[in-house]
Amino acid sequence: MESDKSLVSLSDLPVGKLAKVQCIVSNGNQRRRFLDLGLIPGSIIKSERKSPSGNPTAYNIRGSIIALRNEEAQNIVVSIV
């Protein structure tokens, strides 16, 4: 993994920026859902847009657009590319 300074939660990724998934810090069904969505370590993800209220946010992962609430995205650690 890269230095801690470059690691942020996915919820903190600015719109339009690319990041690499480093790890998932949740367990159980939520972890399984993230993995099913393609959020695996090493995957590249892009923050596409935020809803008018700021929650949820749309992300592009492996050619698919997914929406995650901020509470969910906080459990995904990424490094900005």
Protein backbone atom coordinates (compact mmCIF):
# COMPACT_ATOMS: atom_id res chain seq x y z
CA MET A 1 0.00 0.00 0.00
CA GLU A 2 1.10 3.57 -0.56
CA SER A 3 1.89 6.09 2.17
CA ASP A 4 -0.95 6.94 4.54
CA LYS A 5 -0.97 10.58 3.35
CA SER A 6 -2.38 9.60 -0.04
CA LEU A 7 -5.10 7.33 1.38
CA VAL A 8 -8.62 8.70 1.72
CA SER A 9 -12.08 7.23 2.07
CA LEU A 10 -14.03 6.98 -1.17
CA SER A 11 -16.55 9.46 0.23
CA ASP A 12 -13.77 12.11 0.24
CA LEU A 13 -12.82 11.59 -3.42
CA PRO A 14 -13.54 14.81 -5.37
CA VAL A 15 -15.88 14.58 -8.36
CA GLY A 16 -13.95 13.93 -11.56
CA LYS A 17 -10.96 12.32 -9.82
CA LEU A 18 -9.66 8.78 -10.30
CA ALA A 19 -8.58 6.54 -7.44
CA LYS A 20 -7.37 3.00 -6.86
CA VAL A 21 -9.24 0.86 -4.33
CA GLN A 22 -6.84 -0.13 -1.54
CA CYS A 23 -9.06 -1.95 0.95
CA ILE A 24 -12.57 -2.37 2.31
CA VAL A 25 -13.03 -1.82 6.04
CA SER A 26 -16.40 -3.50 6.51
CA ASN A 27 -17.51 -7.08 7.01
CA GLY A 28 -20.44 -9.33 6.28
CA ASN A 29 -23.13 -8.46 3.76
CA GLN A 30 -21.82 -4.96 3.07
CA ARG A 31 -18.35 -6.28 2.22
CA ARG A 32 -19.90 -8.94 -0.04
CA ARG A 33 -21.99 -6.25 -1.82
CA PHE A 34 -18.90 -4.10 -2.43
CA LEU A 35 -17.03 -7.08 -3.87
CA ASP A 36 -20.02 -7.97 -6.07
CA LEU A 37 -20.01 -4.39 -7.40
CA GLY A 38 -16.36 -4.78 -8.44
CA LEU A 39 -14.86 -2.81 -5.56
CA ILE A 40 -11.83 -5.00 -5.12
CA PRO A 41 -8.30 -3.88 -4.21
CA GLY A 42 -6.50 -2.60 -7.30
CA SER A 43 -9.66 -1.54 -9.16
CA ILE A 44 -9.76 1.98 -10.58
CA ILE A 45 -12.81 4.04 -9.65
CA LYS A 46 -13.91 7.53 -10.69
CA SER A 47 -16.25 9.86 -8.84
CA GLU A 48 -18.71 10.91 -11.55
CA ARG A 49 -21.26 13.16 -9.84
CA LYS A 50 -23.03 13.93 -6.59
CA SER A 51 -26.78 14.13 -6.23
CA PRO A 52 -28.20 17.62 -5.58
CA SER A 53 -28.28 16.86 -1.85
CA GLY A 54 -24.70 15.53 -1.98
CA ASN A 55 -25.73 12.00 -1.05
CA PRO A 56 -25.49 9.52 -2.79
CA THR A 57 -22.58 9.86 -5.20
CA ALA A 58 -22.28 8.12 -8.58
CA TYR A 59 -19.03 6.28 -9.29
CA ASN A 60 -17.70 4.63 -12.43
CA ILE A 61 -16.11 1.27 -11.71
CA ARG A 62 -15.13 -1.15 -14.47
CA GLY A 63 -17.41 0.57 -16.97
CA SER A 64 -20.50 0.55 -14.75
CA ILE A 65 -22.05 3.43 -12.85
CA ILE A 66 -22.92 2.66 -9.24
CA ALA A 67 -24.38 4.89 -6.54
CA LEU A 68 -23.13 4.73 -2.96
CA ARG A 69 -24.28 6.64 0.09
CA ASN A 70 -21.56 8.54 1.93
CA GLU A 71 -21.95 6.18 4.91
CA GLU A 72 -21.12 3.24 2.61
CA ALA A 73 -18.30 4.99 0.74
CA GLN A 74 -16.56 5.80 4.04
CA ASN A 75 -15.80 2.07 4.37
CA ILE A 76 -13.73 1.98 1.17
CA VAL A 77 -10.12 3.19 1.35
CA VAL A 78 -8.65 4.51 -1.91
CA SER A 79 -5.51 6.25 -3.13
CA ILE A 80 -5.96 9.15 -5.53
CA VAL A 81 -4.35 8.48 -8.92
